[in-house]
């Protein structure tokens, strides 16, 4: 289990070391670049991945046994900050009572948030990536049908971004 420790002789709020968990250790041993983040409140290991390394790392994790994409989503860190696309993976196997879990996070710039689609690895990413595109404007390159899923096709903007300004009108179309 990863633990967060302060560096000696440094301000605790600025620099911490996160001990690598088992998945991070395996990825490092096999040459996959990533950063370990602190585990979440349930002890799930969280890894930071660069956008261009997402597909090779995701493919390696699939081969390692993470065959189930439980959840893919996104969130906005705030106006002027990064958009984050995350992937919660589970290793479904013999020990169904305590499956191994890992979460990947990809931090993207607001002005051009693009990363490759994982649809071809986990088909369950289909509608989840479409929803993240629709609500945050993250473009999942290689997705077979990336288009709006919740908002009308002609909607302007990305409603779940924290800097989104709602229009002061809403036109009901085809109400009758």
Protein backbone atom coordinates (compact mmCIF):
# COMPACT_ATOMS: atom_id res chain seq x y z
CA UNK A 1 0.00 0.00 0.00
CA UNK A 2 1.37 3.42 -0.92
CA UNK A 3 2.06 5.83 1.89
CA UNK A 4 2.70 9.52 1.71
CA UNK A 5 5.83 10.68 3.51
CA UNK A 6 7.37 14.12 3.89
CA UNK A 7 10.88 14.68 2.70
CA UNK A 8 13.35 15.45 5.49
CA UNK A 9 14.13 19.13 6.00
CA UNK A 10 11.45 20.32 3.61
CA UNK A 11 8.11 22.04 4.15
CA UNK A 12 5.48 19.33 4.48
CA UNK A 13 2.95 21.17 2.31
CA UNK A 14 5.22 21.49 -0.73
CA UNK A 15 7.04 18.20 -1.26
CA UNK A 16 5.98 14.65 -0.55
CA UNK A 17 7.12 11.24 -1.72
CA UNK A 18 4.52 8.64 -2.59
CA UNK A 19 5.70 5.06 -2.30
CA UNK A 20 4.91 3.03 -5.40
CA UNK A 21 2.19 0.43 -5.14
CA UNK A 22 2.27 -3.00 -6.78
CA UNK A 23 0.86 -1.88 -10.14
CA UNK A 24 3.20 1.10 -10.31
CA UNK A 25 6.15 -1.14 -9.44
CA UNK A 26 5.20 -3.62 -12.18
CA UNK A 27 4.82 -0.82 -14.74
CA UNK A 28 8.19 0.69 -13.78
CA UNK A 29 9.92 -2.70 -14.00
CA UNK A 30 8.55 -3.07 -17.53
CA UNK A 31 9.56 0.41 -18.71
CA UNK A 32 6.22 2.25 -18.64
CA UNK A 33 6.59 5.89 -17.61
CA UNK A 34 4.05 7.24 -15.10
CA UNK A 35 3.85 8.97 -11.73
CA UNK A 36 2.37 7.49 -8.56
CA UNK A 37 -0.13 9.69 -6.77
CA UNK A 38 -1.39 9.15 -3.24
CA UNK A 39 -3.89 6.31 -2.81
CA UNK A 40 -7.54 7.24 -2.38
CA UNK A 41 -9.57 6.76 0.82
CA UNK A 42 -10.22 3.10 -0.09
CA UNK A 43 -6.56 2.34 -0.76
CA UNK A 44 -6.91 2.29 -4.56
CA UNK A 45 -3.62 3.06 -6.28
CA UNK A 46 -3.74 6.17 -8.50
CA UNK A 47 -1.34 6.69 -11.41
CA UNK A 48 -0.73 9.86 -13.41
CA UNK A 49 -0.18 9.15 -17.12
CA UNK A 50 0.87 11.49 -19.93
CA UNK A 51 -1.67 11.63 -22.81
CA UNK A 52 0.72 10.18 -25.41
CA UNK A 53 1.52 7.23 -23.11
CA UNK A 54 -2.07 6.32 -22.26
CA UNK A 55 -2.58 3.67 -24.98
CA UNK A 56 0.68 1.75 -24.41
CA UNK A 57 0.16 1.79 -20.64
CA UNK A 58 -3.53 0.84 -20.89
CA UNK A 59 -2.68 -2.01 -23.25
CA UNK A 60 -0.03 -3.26 -20.82
CA UNK A 61 -2.49 -3.12 -17.92
CA UNK A 62 -5.05 -5.05 -19.97
CA UNK A 63 -2.43 -7.73 -20.68
CA UNK A 64 -1.51 -7.70 -16.95
CA UNK A 65 -5.10 -8.67 -16.14
CA UNK A 66 -7.04 -5.41 -15.76
CA UNK A 67 -9.79 -6.61 -18.06
CA UNK A 68 -12.67 -4.50 -16.75
CA UNK A 69 -13.12 -0.74 -17.12
CA UNK A 70 -15.47 -0.03 -14.23
CA UNK A 71 -15.68 3.68 -14.86
CA UNK A 72 -14.28 6.32 -17.18
CA UNK A 73 -15.01 9.94 -16.49
CA UNK A 74 -13.65 13.45 -16.33
CA UNK A 75 -13.59 16.46 -14.08
CA UNK A 76 -12.45 20.06 -14.17
CA UNK A 77 -9.88 21.25 -11.63
CA UNK A 78 -11.12 24.83 -11.98
CA UNK A 79 -10.98 27.86 -14.28
CA UNK A 80 -7.57 28.09 -15.92
CA UNK A 81 -6.52 24.67 -14.61
CA UNK A 82 -6.36 21.21 -16.14
CA UNK A 83 -9.16 18.92 -17.25
CA UNK A 84 -8.70 15.37 -15.98
CA UNK A 85 -9.80 12.16 -17.71
CA UNK A 86 -9.74 9.17 -15.36
CA UNK A 87 -10.07 5.40 -15.77
CA UNK A 88 -10.95 3.03 -12.91
CA UNK A 89 -9.73 -0.46 -13.83
CA UNK A 90 -10.40 -3.77 -12.09
CA UNK A 91 -8.67 -7.09 -12.42
CA UNK A 92 -11.58 -9.53 -12.56
CA UNK A 93 -10.38 -13.03 -11.83
CA UNK A 94 -10.41 -15.83 -9.31
CA UNK A 95 -10.47 -13.65 -6.18
CA UNK A 96 -13.80 -11.92 -6.77
CA UNK A 97 -14.12 -10.81 -3.14
CA UNK A 98 -10.99 -8.65 -3.28
CA UNK A 99 -10.30 -7.68 -6.89
CA UNK A 100 -7.21 -5.60 -7.61
CA UNK A 101 -8.02 -2.02 -8.62
CA UNK A 102 -6.09 0.88 -10.11
CA UNK A 103 -7.07 4.35 -11.30
CA UNK A 104 -5.35 6.20 -14.13
CA UNK A 105 -5.52 9.98 -14.40
CA UNK A 106 -4.57 11.98 -17.48
CA UNK A 107 -4.22 15.74 -16.99
CA UNK A 108 -5.04 17.79 -20.11
CA UNK A 109 -4.74 21.46 -21.08
CA UNK A 110 -8.03 23.36 -21.30
CA UNK A 111 -7.32 24.92 -24.69
CA UNK A 112 -6.86 21.64 -26.62
CA UNK A 113 -7.81 18.60 -24.50
CA UNK A 114 -7.03 15.57 -26.69
CA UNK A 115 -6.04 12.01 -25.93
CA UNK A 116 -6.43 8.62 -27.56
CA UNK A 117 -9.62 6.63 -27.04
CA UNK A 118 -9.42 3.40 -25.05
CA UNK A 119 -12.54 2.10 -26.82
CA UNK A 120 -10.47 -0.46 -28.72
CA UNK A 121 -9.18 -1.91 -25.41
CA UNK A 122 -12.35 -1.67 -23.30
CA UNK A 123 -15.55 -1.35 -25.34
CA UNK A 124 -17.32 -0.05 -22.24
CA UNK A 125 -15.58 3.30 -22.79
CA UNK A 126 -17.90 4.07 -25.73
CA UNK A 127 -20.64 6.12 -24.10
CA UNK A 128 -18.47 7.22 -21.20
CA UNK A 129 -15.97 8.93 -23.54
CA UNK A 130 -18.87 10.45 -25.47
CA UNK A 131 -20.27 11.91 -22.26
CA UNK A 132 -16.88 13.40 -21.31
CA UNK A 133 -16.61 14.89 -24.79
CA UNK A 134 -20.12 16.33 -24.52
CA UNK A 135 -19.74 17.81 -21.03
CA UNK A 136 -16.04 18.82 -20.94
CA UNK A 137 -14.92 19.04 -24.58
CA UNK A 138 -12.24 16.34 -24.27
CA UNK A 139 -11.58 14.87 -27.72
CA UNK A 140 -10.95 11.12 -27.65
CA UNK A 141 -9.06 10.52 -30.87
CA UNK A 142 -9.85 7.23 -32.59
CA UNK A 143 -13.29 6.89 -30.99
CA UNK A 144 -15.65 5.37 -33.59
CA UNK A 145 -18.59 7.72 -32.98
CA UNK A 146 -17.53 10.74 -30.95
CA UNK A 147 -20.52 13.05 -30.90
CA UNK A 148 -22.74 14.68 -28.33
CA UNK A 149 -24.80 12.27 -26.25
CA UNK A 150 -26.65 14.49 -23.73
CA UNK A 151 -26.78 17.96 -25.31
CA UNK A 152 -28.25 18.86 -28.70
CA UNK A 153 -25.77 18.54 -31.59
CA UNK A 154 -25.74 22.32 -32.15
CA UNK A 155 -25.08 23.18 -28.47
CA UNK A 156 -22.20 25.60 -27.98
CA UNK A 157 -19.82 25.04 -25.07
CA UNK A 158 -19.05 22.40 -22.48
CA UNK A 159 -21.60 22.57 -19.62
CA UNK A 160 -19.59 20.86 -16.83
CA UNK A 161 -16.52 23.04 -17.17
CA UNK A 162 -16.27 25.32 -14.16
CA UNK A 163 -15.80 28.38 -16.39
CA UNK A 164 -18.89 27.61 -18.51
CA UNK A 165 -21.38 30.45 -18.75
CA UNK A 166 -24.97 29.26 -19.23
CA UNK A 167 -26.91 30.99 -21.98
CA UNK A 168 -29.66 33.27 -20.68
CA UNK A 169 -32.19 31.55 -22.92
CA UNK A 170 -33.24 28.04 -23.71
CA UNK A 171 -35.33 27.34 -26.77
CA UNK A 172 -37.67 24.38 -26.59
CA UNK A 173 -37.58 22.65 -29.92
CA UNK A 174 -40.22 20.24 -31.15
CA UNK A 175 -42.21 20.67 -27.94
CA UNK A 176 -45.50 20.15 -29.72
